Amino acid sequence: MGRLLTLLLIGVLACKALTGRWPWELWAQSERAQDEAQARALLGVGREATRDEVNEAHKRLLVRVHPDRGGTTEQVHAATRARDLLLARIERIGQHR
């Protein structure tokens, strides 16, 4: 058991030394990247979409999925979550530039 923990610790430290990030930071980043890719696909925008493009795509999608037009409230919520996620990404990237 002690050897396993030692190997695990060495692996974690090696990951930090090689990538500059802890393994759990890499996993979280990967999940966020997947969520952002799904949001872009839902809204139909590219990776470099601007704030205005994201908002316009959100409005177009809401027209299609609105409950008065045969959509559901869950589809509206999914569209809004996608918009919010992408806008947060734009804000994060904007702060780094």
PDB file of N, CA and C in Angstrom:
ATOM      1  N   MET A   1       0.826  -1.192   0.000  1.00  0.00           N
ATOM      2  CA  MET A   1       0.000   0.000   0.000  1.00  0.00           C
ATOM      3  C   MET A   1       0.872   1.257   0.000  1.00  0.00           C
ATOM      4  N   GLY A   2       1.978   1.192   0.767  1.00  0.00           N
ATOM      5  CA  GLY A   2       2.885   2.334   0.818  1.00  0.00           C
ATOM      6  C   GLY A   2       3.536   2.608  -0.527  1.00  0.00           C
ATOM      7  N   ARG A   3       3.845   1.542  -1.254  1.00  0.00           N
ATOM      8  CA  ARG A   3       4.457   1.711  -2.588  1.00  0.00           C
ATOM      9  C   ARG A   3       3.475   2.352  -3.556  1.00  0.00           C
ATOM     10  N   LEU A   4       2.228   1.954  -3.465  1.00  0.00           N
ATOM     11  CA  LEU A   4       1.208   2.522  -4.339  1.00  0.00           C
ATOM     12  C   LEU A   4       1.051   4.024  -4.092  1.00  0.00           C
ATOM     13  N   LEU A   5       1.004   4.403  -2.840  1.00  0.00           N
ATOM     14  CA  LEU A   5       0.892   5.824  -2.509  1.00  0.00           C
ATOM     15  C   LEU A   5       2.131   6.598  -2.960  1.00  0.00           C
ATOM     16  N   THR A   6       3.295   5.985  -2.816  1.00  0.00           N
ATOM     17  CA  THR A   6       4.532   6.629  -3.264  1.00  0.00           C
ATOM     18  C   THR A   6       4.513   6.822  -4.779  1.00  0.00           C
ATOM     19  N   LEU A   7       4.103   5.798  -5.516  1.00  0.00           N
ATOM     20  CA  LEU A   7       4.007   5.924  -6.977  1.00  0.00           C
ATOM     21  C   LEU A   7       2.991   6.981  -7.385  1.00  0.00           C
ATOM     22  N   LEU A   8       1.873   7.019  -6.677  1.00  0.00           N
ATOM     23  CA  LEU A   8       0.850   8.019  -6.964  1.00  0.00           C
ATOM     24  C   LEU A   8       1.385   9.424  -6.731  1.00  0.00           C
ATOM     25  N   LEU A   9       2.074   9.620  -5.632  1.00  0.00           N
ATOM     26  CA  LEU A   9       2.661  10.920  -5.321  1.00  0.00           C
ATOM     27  C   LEU A   9       3.693  11.320  -6.366  1.00  0.00           C
ATOM     28  N   ILE A  10       4.531  10.378  -6.780  1.00  0.00           N
ATOM     29  CA  ILE A  10       5.526  10.666  -7.819  1.00  0.00           C
ATOM     30  C   ILE A  10       4.837  11.048  -9.124  1.00  0.00           C
ATOM     31  N   GLY A  11       3.771  10.329  -9.470  1.00  0.00           N
ATOM     32  CA  GLY A  11       3.028  10.644 -10.693  1.00  0.00           C
ATOM     33  C   GLY A  11       2.411  12.032 -10.654  1.00  0.00           C
ATOM     34  N   VAL A  12       1.838  12.383  -9.522  1.00  0.00           N
ATOM     35  CA  VAL A  12       1.221  13.716  -9.367  1.00  0.00           C
ATOM     36  C   VAL A  12       2.280  14.801  -9.479  1.00  0.00           C
ATOM     37  N   LEU A  13       3.400  14.608  -8.794  1.00  0.00           N
ATOM     38  CA  LEU A  13       4.480  15.602  -8.855  1.00  0.00           C
ATOM     39  C   LEU A  13       5.094  15.689 -10.253  1.00  0.00           C
ATOM     40  N   ALA A  14       5.191  14.563 -10.948  1.00  0.00           N
ATOM     41  CA  ALA A  14       5.709  14.581 -12.319  1.00  0.00           C
ATOM     42  C   ALA A  14       4.766  15.354 -13.235  1.00  0.00           C
ATOM     43  N   CYS A  15       3.489  15.151 -13.047  1.00  0.00           N
ATOM     44  CA  CYS A  15       2.501  15.893 -13.856  1.00  0.00           C
ATOM     45  C   CYS A  15       2.654  17.395 -13.626  1.00  0.00           C
ATOM     46  N   LYS A  16       2.792  17.791 -12.373  1.00  0.00           N
ATOM     47  CA  LYS A  16       2.959  19.210 -12.039  1.00  0.00           C
ATOM     48  C   LYS A  16       4.243  19.756 -12.650  1.00  0.00           C
ATOM     49  N   ALA A  17       5.322  18.980 -12.589  1.00  0.00           N
ATOM     50  CA  ALA A  17       6.607  19.432 -13.121  1.00  0.00           C
ATOM     51  C   ALA A  17       6.578  19.545 -14.640  1.00  0.00           C
ATOM     52  N   LEU A  18       5.906  18.606 -15.311  1.00  0.00           N
ATOM     53  CA  LEU A  18       5.900  18.593 -16.774  1.00  0.00           C
ATOM     54  C   LEU A  18       4.913  19.577 -17.385  1.00  0.00           C
ATOM     55  N   THR A  19       3.759  19.731 -16.772  1.00  0.00           N
ATOM     56  CA  THR A  19       2.717  20.573 -17.366  1.00  0.00           C
ATOM     57  C   THR A  19       2.514  21.896 -16.657  1.00  0.00           C
ATOM     58  N   GLY A  20       3.030  21.993 -15.436  1.00  0.00           N
ATOM     59  CA  GLY A  20       2.812  23.215 -14.662  1.00  0.00           C
ATOM     60  C   GLY A  20       1.454  23.246 -13.983  1.00  0.00           C
ATOM     61  N   ARG A  21       0.707  22.156 -14.091  1.00  0.00           N
ATOM     62  CA  ARG A  21      -0.623  22.084 -13.481  1.00  0.00           C
ATOM     63  C   ARG A  21      -0.779  20.760 -12.762  1.00  0.00           C
ATOM     64  N   TRP A  22      -1.597  20.761 -11.747  1.00  0.00           N
ATOM     65  CA  TRP A  22      -1.914  19.533 -11.038  1.00  0.00           C
ATOM     66  C   TRP A  22      -2.846  18.695 -11.895  1.00  0.00           C
ATOM     67  N   PRO A  23      -2.860  17.380 -11.730  1.00  0.00           N
ATOM     68  CA  PRO A  23      -3.722  16.520 -12.559  1.00  0.00           C
ATOM     69  C   PRO A  23      -5.196  16.908 -12.491  1.00  0.00           C
ATOM     70  N   TRP A  24      -5.685  17.265 -11.312  1.00  0.00           N
ATOM     71  CA  TRP A  24      -7.098  17.617 -11.194  1.00  0.00           C
ATOM     72  C   TRP A  24      -7.420  18.917 -11.914  1.00  0.00           C
ATOM     73  N   GLU A  25      -6.438  19.801 -12.086  1.00  0.00           N
ATOM     74  CA  GLU A  25      -6.656  21.013 -12.876  1.00  0.00           C
ATOM     75  C   GLU A  25      -6.789  20.657 -14.357  1.00  0.00           C
ATOM     76  N   LEU A  26      -6.011  19.692 -14.810  1.00  0.00           N
ATOM     77  CA  LEU A  26      -6.112  19.249 -16.204  1.00  0.00           C
ATOM     78  C   LEU A  26      -7.458  18.594 -16.471  1.00  0.00           C
ATOM     79  N   TRP A  27      -7.946  17.784 -15.529  1.00  0.00           N
ATOM     80  CA  TRP A  27      -9.242  17.133 -15.697  1.00  0.00           C
ATOM     81  C   TRP A  27     -10.351  18.165 -15.744  1.00  0.00           C
ATOM     82  N   ALA A  28     -10.311  19.154 -14.870  1.00  0.00           N
ATOM     83  CA  ALA A  28     -11.346  20.187 -14.843  1.00  0.00           C
ATOM     84  C   ALA A  28     -11.315  20.994 -16.133  1.00  0.00           C
ATOM     85  N   GLN A  29     -10.122  21.290 -16.616  1.00  0.00           N
ATOM     86  CA  GLN A  29      -9.995  22.039 -17.858  1.00  0.00           C
ATOM     87  C   GLN A  29     -10.578  21.242 -19.018  1.00  0.00           C
ATOM     88  N   SER A  30     -10.355  19.948 -19.008  1.00  0.00           N
ATOM     89  CA  SER A  30     -10.874  19.100 -20.067  1.00  0.00           C
ATOM     90  C   SER A  30     -12.402  19.080 -20.057  1.00  0.00           C
ATOM     91  N   GLU A  31     -13.002  18.969 -18.883  1.00  0.00           N
ATOM     92  CA  GLU A  31     -14.463  18.986 -18.784  1.00  0.00           C
ATOM     93  C   GLU A  31     -15.026  20.319 -19.257  1.00  0.00           C
ATOM     94  N   ARG A  32     -14.362  21.403 -18.879  1.00  0.00           N
ATOM     95  CA  ARG A  32     -14.821  22.723 -19.299  1.00  0.00           C
ATOM     96  C   ARG A  32     -14.718  22.858 -20.819  1.00  0.00           C
ATOM     97  N   ALA A  33     -13.637  22.348 -21.403  1.00  0.00           N
ATOM     98  CA  ALA A  33     -13.476  22.420 -22.849  1.00  0.00           C
ATOM     99  C   ALA A  33     -14.577  21.631 -23.560  1.00  0.00           C
ATOM    100  N   GLN A  34     -14.939  20.477 -23.008  1.00  0.00           N
ATOM    101  CA  GLN A  34     -16.022  19.691 -23.592  1.00  0.00           C
ATOM    102  C   GLN A  34     -17.351  20.424 -23.482  1.00  0.00           C
ATOM    103  N   ASP A  35     -17.599  21.018 -22.328  1.00  0.00           N
ATOM    104  CA  ASP A  35     -18.840  21.775 -22.140  1.00  0.00           C
ATOM    105  C   ASP A  35     -18.910  22.953 -23.109  1.00  0.00           C
ATOM    106  N   GLU A  36     -17.784  23.637 -23.295  1.00  0.00           N
ATOM    107  CA  GLU A  36     -17.754  24.771 -24.217  1.00  0.00           C
ATOM    108  C   GLU A  36     -17.966  24.316 -25.657  1.00  0.00           C
ATOM    109  N   ALA A  37     -17.408  23.174 -26.035  1.00  0.00           N
ATOM    110  CA  ALA A  37     -17.612  22.652 -27.385  1.00  0.00           C
ATOM    111  C   ALA A  37     -19.080  22.310 -27.618  1.00  0.00           C
ATOM    112  N   GLN A  38     -19.732  21.718 -26.615  1.00  0.00           N
ATOM    113  CA  GLN A  38     -21.158  21.413 -26.739  1.00  0.00           C
ATOM    114  C   GLN A  38     -21.978  22.694 -26.837  1.00  0.00           C
ATOM    115  N   ALA A  39     -21.604  23.700 -26.077  1.00  0.00           N
ATOM    116  CA  ALA A  39     -22.321  24.981 -26.120  1.00  0.00           C
ATOM    117  C   ALA A  39     -22.166  25.638 -27.489  1.00  0.00           C
ATOM    118  N   ARG A  40     -20.948  25.594 -28.043  1.00  0.00           N
ATOM    119  CA  ARG A  40     -20.741  26.174 -29.379  1.00  0.00           C
ATOM    120  C   ARG A  40     -21.556  25.435 -30.433  1.00  0.00           C
ATOM    121  N   ALA A  41     -21.612  24.106 -30.311  1.00  0.00           N
ATOM    122  CA  ALA A  41     -22.389  23.310 -31.267  1.00  0.00           C
ATOM    123  C   ALA A  41     -23.879  23.634 -31.151  1.00  0.00           C
ATOM    124  N   LEU A  42     -24.368  23.761 -29.931  1.00  0.00           N
ATOM    125  CA  LEU A  42     -25.783  24.072 -29.727  1.00  0.00           C
ATOM    126  C   LEU A  42     -26.145  25.424 -30.328  1.00  0.00           C
ATOM    127  N   LEU A  43     -25.283  26.412 -30.103  1.00  0.00           N
ATOM    128  CA  LEU A  43     -25.563  27.758 -30.610  1.00  0.00           C
ATOM    129  C   LEU A  43     -25.132  27.943 -32.063  1.00  0.00           C
ATOM    130  N   GLY A  44     -24.289  27.041 -32.554  1.00  0.00           N
ATOM    131  CA  GLY A  44     -23.850  27.135 -33.940  1.00  0.00           C
ATOM    132  C   GLY A  44     -22.848  28.255 -34.179  1.00  0.00           C
ATOM    133  N   VAL A  45     -21.951  28.461 -33.221  1.00  0.00           N
ATOM    134  CA  VAL A  45     -20.922  29.493 -33.373  1.00  0.00           C
ATOM    135  C   VAL A  45     -19.556  28.844 -33.340  1.00  0.00           C
ATOM    136  N   GLY A  46     -18.576  29.552 -33.852  1.00  0.00           N
ATOM    137  CA  GLY A  46     -17.208  29.048 -33.868  1.00  0.00           C
ATOM    138  C   GLY A  46     -16.470  29.348 -32.585  1.00  0.00           C
ATOM    139  N   ARG A  47     -15.267  28.817 -32.498  1.00  0.00           N
ATOM    140  CA  ARG A  47     -14.442  28.962 -31.297  1.00  0.00           C
ATOM    141  C   ARG A  47     -14.076  30.420 -31.031  1.00  0.00           C
ATOM    142  N   GLU A  48     -13.922  31.194 -32.063  1.00  0.00           N
ATOM    143  CA  GLU A  48     -13.513  32.598 -31.922  1.00  0.00           C
ATOM    144  C   GLU A  48     -14.703  33.559 -31.983  1.00  0.00           C
ATOM    145  N   ALA A  49     -15.893  33.080 -31.669  1.00  0.00           N
ATOM    146  CA  ALA A  49     -17.090  33.925 -31.731  1.00  0.00           C
ATOM    147  C   ALA A  49     -16.982  35.079 -30.741  1.00  0.00           C
ATOM    148  N   THR A  50     -17.486  36.223 -31.159  1.00  0.00           N
ATOM    149  CA  THR A  50     -17.484  37.397 -30.289  1.00  0.00           C
ATOM    150  C   THR A  50     -18.730  37.395 -29.413  1.00  0.00           C
ATOM    151  N   ARG A  51     -18.745  38.315 -28.471  1.00  0.00           N
ATOM    152  CA  ARG A  51     -19.897  38.455 -27.577  1.00  0.00           C
ATOM    153  C   ARG A  51     -21.175  38.704 -28.385  1.00  0.00           C
ATOM    154  N   ASP A  52     -21.107  39.568 -29.378  1.00  0.00           N
ATOM    155  CA  ASP A  52     -22.282  39.870 -30.196  1.00  0.00           C
ATOM    156  C   ASP A  52     -22.748  38.650 -30.990  1.00  0.00           C
ATOM    157  N   GLU A  53     -21.809  37.877 -31.523  1.00  0.00           N
ATOM    158  CA  GLU A  53     -22.172  36.673 -32.277  1.00  0.00           C
ATOM    159  C   GLU A  53     -22.844  35.634 -31.385  1.00  0.00           C
ATOM    160  N   VAL A  54     -22.349  35.482 -30.173  1.00  0.00           N
ATOM    161  CA  VAL A  54     -22.950  34.532 -29.237  1.00  0.00           C
ATOM    162  C   VAL A  54     -24.369  34.977 -28.879  1.00  0.00           C
ATOM    163  N   ASN A  55     -24.534  36.256 -28.589  1.00  0.00           N
ATOM    164  CA  ASN A  55     -25.870  36.763 -28.235  1.00  0.00           C
ATOM    165  C   ASN A  55     -26.850  36.632 -29.397  1.00  0.00           C
ATOM    166  N   GLU A  56     -26.390  36.906 -30.611  1.00  0.00           N
ATOM    167  CA  GLU A  56     -27.259  36.782 -31.793  1.00  0.00           C
ATOM    168  C   GLU A  56     -27.646  35.323 -32.027  1.00  0.00           C
ATOM    169  N   ALA A  57     -26.693  34.408 -31.880  1.00  0.00           N
ATOM    170  CA  ALA A  57     -26.988  32.981 -32.044  1.00  0.00           C
ATOM    171  C   ALA A  57     -27.971  32.514 -30.973  1.00  0.00           C
ATOM    172  N   HIS A  58     -27.834  33.018 -29.770  1.00  0.00           N
ATOM    173  CA  HIS A  58     -28.750  32.677 -28.674  1.00  0.00           C
ATOM    174  C   HIS A  58     -30.166  33.138 -29.020  1.00  0.00           C
ATOM    175  N   LYS A  59     -30.294  34.344 -29.516  1.00  0.00           N
ATOM    176  CA  LYS A  59     -31.628  34.860 -29.889  1.00  0.00           C
ATOM    177  C   LYS A  59     -32.250  34.020 -30.996  1.00  0.00           C
ATOM    178  N   ARG A  60     -31.445  33.654 -32.007  1.00  0.00           N
ATOM    179  CA  ARG A  60     -31.967  32.827 -33.102  1.00  0.00           C
ATOM    180  C   ARG A  60     -32.441  31.473 -32.583  1.00  0.00           C
ATOM    181  N   LEU A  61     -31.666  30.880 -31.682  1.00  0.00           N
ATOM    182  CA  LEU A  61     -32.041  29.584 -31.126  1.00  0.00           C
ATOM    183  C   LEU A  61     -33.295  29.692 -30.268  1.00  0.00           C
ATOM    184  N   LEU A  62     -33.422  30.757 -29.495  1.00  0.00           N
ATOM    185  CA  LEU A  62     -34.610  30.926 -28.658  1.00  0.00           C
ATOM    186  C   LEU A  62     -35.882  31.021 -29.497  1.00  0.00           C
ATOM    187  N   VAL A  63     -35.793  31.645 -30.648  1.00  0.00           N
ATOM    188  CA  VAL A  63     -36.963  31.726 -31.524  1.00  0.00           C
ATOM    189  C   VAL A  63     -37.407  30.329 -31.947  1.00  0.00           C
ATOM    190  N   ARG A  64     -36.442  29.435 -32.200  1.00  0.00           N
ATOM    191  CA  ARG A  64     -36.777  28.073 -32.638  1.00  0.00           C
ATOM    192  C   ARG A  64     -37.275  27.182 -31.508  1.00  0.00           C
ATOM    193  N   VAL A  65     -36.727  27.339 -30.292  1.00  0.00           N
ATOM    194  CA  VAL A  65     -37.046  26.401 -29.211  1.00  0.00           C
ATOM    195  C   VAL A  65     -38.018  26.961 -28.180  1.00  0.00           C
ATOM    196  N   HIS A  66     -38.557  28.129 -28.416  1.00  0.00           N
ATOM    197  CA  HIS A  66     -39.495  28.724 -27.456  1.00  0.00           C
ATOM    198  C   HIS A  66     -40.728  27.830 -27.317  1.00  0.00           C
ATOM    199  N   PRO A  67     -41.245  27.685 -26.105  1.00  0.00           N
ATOM    200  CA  PRO A  67     -42.423  26.823 -25.895  1.00  0.00           C
ATOM    201  C   PRO A  67     -43.633  27.214 -26.747  1.00  0.00           C
ATOM    202  N   ASP A  68     -43.787  28.474 -27.078  1.00  0.00           N
ATOM    203  CA  ASP A  68     -44.895  28.904 -27.935  1.00  0.00           C
ATOM    204  C   ASP A  68     -44.728  28.409 -29.373  1.00  0.00           C
ATOM    205  N   ARG A  69     -43.522  27.998 -29.722  1.00  0.00           N
ATOM    206  CA  ARG A  69     -43.237  27.510 -31.081  1.00  0.00           C
ATOM    207  C   ARG A  69     -42.993  26.009 -31.116  1.00  0.00           C
ATOM    208  N   GLY A  70     -43.374  25.313 -30.059  1.00  0.00           N
ATOM    209  CA  GLY A  70     -43.230  23.865 -30.043  1.00  0.00           C
ATOM    210  C   GLY A  70     -42.022  23.359 -29.292  1.00  0.00           C
ATOM    211  N   GLY A  71     -41.222  24.265 -28.746  1.00  0.00           N
ATOM    212  CA  GLY A  71     -40.061  23.849 -27.967  1.00  0.00           C
ATOM    213  C   GLY A  71     -40.447  23.612 -26.515  1.00  0.00           C
ATOM    214  N   THR A  72     -39.447  23.422 -25.689  1.00  0.00           N
ATOM    215  CA  THR A  72     -39.694  23.193 -24.267  1.00  0.00           C
ATOM    216  C   THR A  72     -38.911  24.197 -23.435  1.00  0.00           C
ATOM    217  N   THR A  73     -39.316  24.320 -22.193  1.00  0.00           N
ATOM    218  CA  THR A  73     -38.578  25.220 -21.305  1.00  0.00           C
ATOM    219  C   THR A  73     -37.161  24.690 -21.059  1.00  0.00           C
ATOM    220  N   GLU A  74     -36.993  23.372 -21.085  1.00  0.00           N
ATOM    221  CA  GLU A  74     -35.654  22.801 -20.903  1.00  0.00           C
ATOM    222  C   GLU A  74     -34.731  23.215 -22.053  1.00  0.00           C
ATOM    223  N   GLN A  75     -35.246  23.263 -23.266  1.00  0.00           N
ATOM    224  CA  GLN A  75     -34.437  23.709 -24.403  1.00  0.00           C
ATOM    225  C   GLN A  75     -34.046  25.175 -24.251  1.00  0.00           C
ATOM    226  N   VAL A  76     -34.968  25.975 -23.731  1.00  0.00           N
ATOM    227  CA  VAL A  76     -34.673  27.390 -23.494  1.00  0.00           C
ATOM    228  C   VAL A  76     -33.571  27.504 -22.437  1.00  0.00           C
ATOM    229  N   HIS A  77     -33.685  26.731 -21.364  1.00  0.00           N
ATOM    230  CA  HIS A  77     -32.670  26.768 -20.306  1.00  0.00           C
ATOM    231  C   HIS A  77     -31.317  26.289 -20.829  1.00  0.00           C
ATOM    232  N   ALA A  78     -31.308  25.266 -21.665  1.00  0.00           N
ATOM    233  CA  ALA A  78     -30.050  24.767 -22.237  1.00  0.00           C
ATOM    234  C   ALA A  78     -29.401  25.837 -23.115  1.00  0.00           C
ATOM    235  N   ALA A  79     -30.199  26.541 -23.897  1.00  0.00           N
ATOM    236  CA  ALA A  79     -29.671  27.611 -24.749  1.00  0.00           C
ATOM    237  C   ALA A  79     -29.082  28.734 -23.901  1.00  0.00           C
ATOM    238  N   THR A  80     -29.758  29.066 -22.830  1.00  0.00           N
ATOM    239  CA  THR A  80     -29.280  30.136 -21.959  1.00  0.00           C
ATOM    240  C   THR A  80     -28.002  29.715 -21.228  1.00  0.00           C
ATOM    241  N   ARG A  81     -27.943  28.464 -20.774  1.00  0.00           N
ATOM    242  CA  ARG A  81     -26.715  27.972 -20.134  1.00  0.00           C
ATOM    243  C   ARG A  81     -25.550  28.002 -21.119  1.00  0.00           C
ATOM    244  N   ALA A  82     -25.813  27.611 -22.364  1.00  0.00           N
ATOM    245  CA  ALA A  82     -24.759  27.625 -23.383  1.00  0.00           C
ATOM    246  C   ALA A  82     -24.262  29.047 -23.613  1.00  0.00           C
ATOM    247  N   ARG A  83     -25.192  29.980 -23.722  1.00  0.00           N
ATOM    248  CA  ARG A  83     -24.800  31.388 -23.918  1.00  0.00           C
ATOM    249  C   ARG A  83     -23.960  31.874 -22.743  1.00  0.00           C
ATOM    250  N   ASP A  84     -24.424  31.609 -21.529  1.00  0.00           N
ATOM    251  CA  ASP A  84     -23.712  32.081 -20.340  1.00  0.00           C
ATOM    252  C   ASP A  84     -22.313  31.477 -20.249  1.00  0.00           C
ATOM    253  N   LEU A  85     -22.182  30.200 -20.587  1.00  0.00           N
ATOM    254  CA  LEU A  85     -20.883  29.542 -20.549  1.00  0.00           C
ATOM    255  C   LEU A  85     -19.914  30.171 -21.546  1.00  0.00           C
ATOM    256  N   LEU A  86     -20.397  30.430 -22.749  1.00  0.00           N
ATOM    257  CA  LEU A  86     -19.520  31.019 -23.767  1.00  0.00           C
ATOM    258  C   LEU A  86     -19.182  32.469 -23.452  1.00  0.00           C
ATOM    259  N   LEU A  87     -20.125  33.200 -22.898  1.00  0.00           N
ATOM    260  CA  LEU A  87     -19.834  34.584 -22.528  1.00  0.00           C
ATOM    261  C   LEU A  87     -18.820  34.633 -21.385  1.00  0.00           C
ATOM    262  N   ALA A  88     -18.904  33.691 -20.459  1.00  0.00           N
ATOM    263  CA  ALA A  88     -17.920  33.623 -19.376  1.00  0.00           C
ATOM    264  C   ALA A  88     -16.533  33.320 -19.939  1.00  0.00           C
ATOM    265  N   ARG A  89     -16.477  32.454 -20.946  1.00  0.00           N
ATOM    266  CA  ARG A  89     -15.195  32.142 -21.586  1.00  0.00           C
ATOM    267  C   ARG A  89     -14.620  33.382 -22.261  1.00  0.00           C
ATOM    268  N   ILE A  90     -15.467  34.122 -22.946  1.00  0.00           N
ATOM    269  CA  ILE A  90     -15.017  35.346 -23.613  1.00  0.00           C
ATOM    270  C   ILE A  90     -14.477  36.329 -22.579  1.00  0.00           C
ATOM    271  N   GLU A  91     -15.144  36.445 -21.444  1.00  0.00           N
ATOM    272  CA  GLU A  91     -14.674  37.338 -20.380  1.00  0.00           C
ATOM    273  C   GLU A  91     -13.322  36.872 -19.840  1.00  0.00           C
ATOM    274  N   ARG A  92     -13.171  35.549 -19.618  1.00  0.00           N
ATOM    275  CA  ARG A  92     -11.910  35.003 -19.097  1.00  0.00           C
ATOM    276  C   ARG A  92     -10.771  35.279 -20.058  1.00  0.00           C
ATOM    277  N   ILE A  93     -11.011  35.046 -21.327  1.00  0.00           N
ATOM    278  CA  ILE A  93      -9.963  35.244 -22.324  1.00  0.00           C
ATOM    279  C   ILE A  93      -9.648  36.728 -22.460  1.00  0.00           C
ATOM    280  N   GLY A  94     -10.681  37.562 -22.386  1.00  0.00           N
ATOM    281  CA  GLY A  94     -10.488  39.003 -22.488  1.00  0.00           C
ATOM    282  C   GLY A  94      -9.630  39.549 -21.370  1.00  0.00           C
ATOM    283  N   GLN A  95      -9.707  38.943 -20.188  1.00  0.00           N
ATOM    284  CA  GLN A  95      -8.900  39.398 -19.059  1.00  0.00           C
ATOM    285  C   GLN A  95      -7.449  39.002 -19.237  1.00  0.00           C
ATOM    286  N   HIS A  96      -7.174  37.920 -19.974  1.00  0.00           N
ATOM    287  CA  HIS A  96      -5.810  37.446 -20.164  1.00  0.00           C
ATOM    288  C   HIS A  96      -5.098  38.180 -21.287  1.00  0.00           C
ATOM    289  N   ARG A  97      -5.832  38.863 -22.113  1.00  0.00           N
ATOM    290  CA  ARG A  97      -5.195  39.557 -23.246  1.00  0.00           C
ATOM    291  C   ARG A  97      -4.811  40.954 -22.897  1.00  0.00           C
TER     292      ARG A  97
END
